[in-house]
Amino acid sequence: MKIGIMKWKLVVLALLLVQVATAQQAKPAFWDEIQAFKKKDSVAPPPANPILFIGSSSFRLWSGLQAAFPGYTIVNRAFGGATIQDMIFYKEDILKPYKPRQIVMYCGENDFAASDSVSVETVVERFKMFYTYTRSLYPGIPFHYVSMKPSVARKRLMPKYQVANAAIAAYIQSQPNSGYLDVYSPMLLPDGNPRPDIFIQDNLHMNPKGYAIWIPIIKPILIKDK
């Protein structure tokens, strides 16, 4: 009898483990990062009316972001290797809690890197969809889009980045209280290739020299703390 009960307990335990593993596999991409934001906000509520930086790893890995802009209260909610599609999926989580006075966005290059079948038109439409939702929440605040950057690792995608950057720039410059920040051009050598000295070992993410190019481009549009 005891052996039968023990076997039954083992069967139940195995089923529970399968359920846990299945649940973990079923998590959407970047789920844990978004939950980490929520936990962080519950422990220490974010500041009121911050400048909200959102997007992918070029913002997420900017360890000196706040220090680069003294006098500006910044909340960084960029995550993982996000695509604009991922930002649409988590739009409420990364936008609603913060009630920002301004939004700065960097995202798009990972959409192209995810699949060669992703077209410029698809990425631009994704951006418009995300922007439209943002405006439904915050119709009047300044919104700035930082262009997709060139990199050594993704040199083959640069032609797509250029066309998509131009299309997004044309769209966003037609919108009120919105702007486009070109970081693409200053990151190139005179021959049109990406500068190799501004990236870490992966030739994709930037080192401090790369971010030093971005700082004077972004700073003039930021709204200082009152």
Protein backbone atom coordinates (compact mmCIF):
# COMPACT_ATOMS: atom_id res chain seq x y z
CA MET A 1 0.00 0.00 0.00
CA LYS A 2 2.80 2.37 0.96
CA ILE A 3 4.62 1.59 -2.28
CA GLY A 4 1.46 2.41 -4.24
CA ILE A 5 1.09 5.76 -2.47
CA MET A 6 4.77 6.55 -3.06
CA LYS A 7 4.41 5.81 -6.78
CA TRP A 8 1.33 8.00 -6.95
CA LYS A 9 3.18 10.88 -5.28
CA LEU A 10 6.03 10.50 -7.75
CA VAL A 11 3.58 10.57 -10.66
CA VAL A 12 1.93 13.72 -9.27
CA LEU A 13 5.33 15.36 -8.75
CA ALA A 14 6.38 14.50 -12.29
CA LEU A 15 3.16 16.00 -13.67
CA LEU A 16 3.71 19.18 -11.64
CA LEU A 17 7.26 19.48 -12.96
CA VAL A 18 6.00 19.07 -16.52
CA GLN A 19 3.40 21.79 -15.91
CA VAL A 20 6.03 24.15 -14.50
CA ALA A 21 8.37 23.50 -17.44
CA THR A 22 5.53 24.02 -19.91
CA ALA A 23 4.51 27.26 -18.22
CA GLN A 24 8.10 28.51 -18.37
CA GLN A 25 8.37 27.62 -22.04
CA ALA A 26 5.08 29.40 -22.72
CA LYS A 27 6.33 32.72 -21.36
CA PRO A 28 6.50 35.44 -24.00
CA ALA A 29 9.93 36.78 -24.84
CA PHE A 30 11.31 39.21 -22.25
CA TRP A 31 8.53 38.34 -19.79
CA ASP A 32 10.95 38.11 -16.87
CA GLU A 33 12.48 41.51 -17.64
CA ILE A 34 9.08 43.16 -17.66
CA GLN A 35 8.18 41.48 -14.37
CA ALA A 36 11.48 42.75 -12.95
CA PHE A 37 10.43 46.31 -13.86
CA LYS A 38 7.17 45.80 -12.01
CA LYS A 39 8.91 44.43 -8.95
CA LYS A 40 11.38 47.31 -8.97
CA ASP A 41 8.55 49.83 -9.19
CA SER A 42 6.70 48.18 -6.32
CA VAL A 43 9.78 48.36 -4.07
CA ALA A 44 10.77 51.90 -5.07
CA PRO A 45 8.07 53.85 -6.94
CA PRO A 46 9.45 55.63 -10.02
CA PRO A 47 9.86 59.40 -9.91
CA ALA A 48 7.00 61.62 -11.02
CA ASN A 49 7.02 63.00 -14.57
CA PRO A 50 10.33 61.51 -15.70
CA ILE A 51 11.85 61.41 -19.14
CA LEU A 52 11.07 57.86 -20.24
CA PHE A 53 13.66 56.05 -22.35
CA ILE A 54 12.20 52.98 -24.04
CA GLY A 55 13.35 50.48 -26.64
CA SER A 56 16.01 47.84 -27.04
CA SER A 57 19.48 47.00 -25.77
CA SER A 58 21.26 50.11 -27.06
CA PHE A 59 19.34 51.96 -24.35
CA ARG A 60 19.15 49.04 -21.90
CA LEU A 61 22.94 48.64 -21.80
CA TRP A 62 23.62 52.36 -21.44
CA SER A 63 24.93 52.09 -17.89
CA GLY A 64 25.86 55.78 -17.75
CA LEU A 65 22.55 57.04 -19.12
CA GLN A 66 21.46 59.05 -16.08
CA ALA A 67 24.98 60.34 -15.45
CA ALA A 68 25.21 61.50 -19.07
CA PHE A 69 22.32 63.89 -18.52
CA PRO A 70 22.64 65.57 -15.11
CA GLY A 71 19.66 67.70 -14.22
CA TYR A 72 17.25 65.38 -16.03
CA THR A 73 15.25 62.72 -14.21
CA ILE A 74 15.32 59.62 -16.41
CA VAL A 75 13.56 56.28 -16.16
CA ASN A 76 15.02 53.63 -18.46
CA ARG A 77 12.57 50.91 -19.45
CA ALA A 78 14.35 49.51 -22.49
CA PHE A 79 14.53 45.73 -22.44
CA GLY A 80 16.40 42.83 -23.95
CA GLY A 81 16.85 42.65 -27.68
CA ALA A 82 13.40 44.14 -28.14
CA THR A 83 11.75 44.60 -31.50
CA ILE A 84 9.04 47.19 -32.07
CA GLN A 85 6.66 44.24 -32.14
CA ASP A 86 7.80 43.35 -28.60
CA MET A 87 7.22 46.94 -27.53
CA ILE A 88 3.69 46.75 -28.91
CA PHE A 89 3.11 43.55 -26.93
CA TYR A 90 4.30 45.18 -23.68
CA LYS A 91 3.05 48.68 -24.47
CA GLU A 92 0.92 49.04 -21.36
CA ASP A 93 3.69 47.79 -19.08
CA ILE A 94 6.37 50.17 -20.39
CA LEU A 95 4.18 53.24 -20.85
CA LYS A 96 1.21 53.40 -18.48
CA PRO A 97 2.89 53.30 -15.07
CA TYR A 98 5.26 56.22 -15.62
CA LYS A 99 3.24 59.27 -16.74
CA PRO A 100 6.33 60.81 -18.35
CA ARG A 101 6.85 64.39 -19.38
CA GLN A 102 8.77 63.19 -22.43
CA ILE A 103 9.52 59.94 -24.30
CA VAL A 104 12.71 58.96 -26.13
CA MET A 105 12.61 55.73 -28.14
CA TYR A 106 15.30 53.56 -29.71
CA CYS A 107 14.11 50.42 -31.47
CA GLY A 108 13.78 48.84 -34.90
CA GLU A 109 17.06 47.26 -35.86
CA ASN A 110 16.20 43.99 -34.11
CA ASP A 111 13.03 43.71 -36.21
CA PHE A 112 15.21 43.40 -39.30
CA ALA A 113 17.75 41.16 -37.58
CA ALA A 114 14.99 38.73 -36.51
CA SER A 115 14.23 37.66 -40.08
CA ASP A 116 15.29 38.56 -43.61
CA SER A 117 11.61 38.43 -44.56
CA VAL A 118 10.82 41.52 -42.44
CA SER A 119 10.38 44.43 -44.82
CA VAL A 120 10.93 48.14 -44.35
CA GLU A 121 7.20 48.67 -44.76
CA THR A 122 6.49 46.21 -41.94
CA VAL A 123 8.85 47.94 -39.52
CA VAL A 124 7.52 51.39 -40.36
CA GLU A 125 3.94 50.22 -39.83
CA ARG A 126 4.92 48.70 -36.50
CA PHE A 127 6.42 52.02 -35.48
CA LYS A 128 3.28 53.89 -36.49
CA MET A 129 1.16 51.46 -34.50
CA PHE A 130 3.27 51.92 -31.38
CA TYR A 131 3.41 55.68 -31.81
CA THR A 132 -0.37 55.88 -32.24
CA TYR A 133 -0.90 53.97 -29.01
CA THR A 134 1.58 56.21 -27.20
CA ARG A 135 -0.32 59.26 -28.38
CA SER A 136 -3.59 57.78 -27.13
CA LEU A 137 -2.06 57.81 -23.64
CA TYR A 138 0.03 60.96 -23.84
CA PRO A 139 -1.23 63.21 -26.64
CA GLY A 140 0.75 66.32 -25.83
CA ILE A 141 4.17 65.34 -24.53
CA PRO A 142 7.33 65.50 -26.65
CA PHE A 143 8.22 62.21 -28.35
CA HIS A 144 11.59 61.65 -30.03
CA TYR A 145 12.76 58.68 -32.06
CA VAL A 146 16.49 57.92 -32.18
CA SER A 147 17.46 56.51 -35.56
CA MET A 148 18.57 52.93 -36.03
CA LYS A 149 22.33 52.84 -35.75
CA PRO A 150 24.86 51.29 -38.15
CA SER A 151 27.13 48.60 -36.75
CA VAL A 152 29.92 46.35 -37.93
CA ALA A 153 28.03 43.21 -36.94
CA ARG A 154 24.94 44.16 -38.93
CA LYS A 155 26.53 45.87 -41.88
CA ARG A 156 24.41 43.84 -44.31
CA LEU A 157 21.26 45.38 -42.81
CA MET A 158 22.40 48.98 -43.15
CA PRO A 159 20.57 49.60 -46.46
CA LYS A 160 17.29 48.60 -44.79
CA TYR A 161 18.08 50.77 -41.78
CA GLN A 162 18.67 53.77 -44.02
CA VAL A 163 15.37 53.42 -45.86
CA ALA A 164 13.41 52.71 -42.66
CA ASN A 165 15.07 55.62 -40.84
CA ALA A 166 14.09 57.97 -43.66
CA ALA A 167 10.49 56.75 -43.68
CA ILE A 168 10.13 57.01 -39.90
CA ALA A 169 11.75 60.45 -39.95
CA ALA A 170 9.29 61.67 -42.59
CA TYR A 171 6.35 60.33 -40.59
CA ILE A 172 7.38 61.55 -37.17
CA GLN A 173 8.37 64.99 -38.36
CA SER A 174 4.81 65.40 -39.64
CA GLN A 175 3.43 64.74 -36.14
CA PRO A 176 3.00 67.40 -33.44
CA ASN A 177 5.52 67.58 -30.58
CA SER A 178 7.62 64.86 -32.17
CA GLY A 179 11.11 64.67 -33.57
CA TYR A 180 13.73 62.45 -35.15
CA LEU A 181 17.33 62.22 -33.92
CA ASP A 182 19.94 61.10 -36.44
CA VAL A 183 22.70 59.07 -34.79
CA TYR A 184 23.28 57.02 -37.94
CA SER A 185 25.39 59.49 -39.91
CA PRO A 186 27.82 60.47 -37.11
CA MET A 187 28.65 56.81 -36.50
CA LEU A 188 30.08 56.32 -40.00
CA LEU A 189 33.58 56.62 -41.39
CA PRO A 190 34.10 58.91 -44.41
CA ASP A 191 33.84 55.82 -46.67
CA GLY A 192 30.35 55.03 -45.32
CA ASN A 193 31.33 52.05 -43.18
CA PRO A 194 30.56 51.92 -39.43
CA ARG A 195 33.31 53.15 -37.15
CA PRO A 196 34.88 50.00 -35.64
CA ASP A 197 36.27 51.80 -32.58
CA ILE A 198 32.89 52.63 -31.00
CA PHE A 199 31.68 49.08 -30.32
CA ILE A 200 32.38 46.43 -27.72
CA GLN A 201 33.64 42.97 -28.73
CA ASP A 202 30.38 41.89 -30.33
CA ASN A 203 30.66 44.76 -32.85
CA LEU A 204 26.99 45.48 -32.23
CA HIS A 205 26.63 47.22 -28.88
CA MET A 206 28.43 50.44 -28.16
CA ASN A 207 31.29 51.29 -25.84
CA PRO A 208 31.56 54.69 -24.09
CA LYS A 209 32.98 56.27 -27.28
CA GLY A 210 29.81 55.29 -29.11
CA TYR A 211 27.53 56.76 -26.47
CA ALA A 212 29.65 59.90 -26.47
CA ILE A 213 28.43 60.44 -30.04
CA TRP A 214 24.81 60.13 -28.94
CA ILE A 215 24.92 62.45 -25.92
CA PRO A 216 25.17 65.82 -27.74
CA ILE A 217 22.50 64.69 -30.21
CA ILE A 218 19.99 63.71 -27.54
CA LYS A 219 20.69 66.33 -24.85
CA PRO A 220 19.34 69.41 -26.67
CA ILE A 221 15.83 67.96 -26.91
CA LEU A 222 15.53 66.88 -23.29
CA ILE A 223 13.29 68.81 -20.89
CA LYS A 224 15.08 69.75 -17.67
CA ASP A 225 13.66 69.10 -14.24
CA LYS A 226 11.72 72.00 -12.79
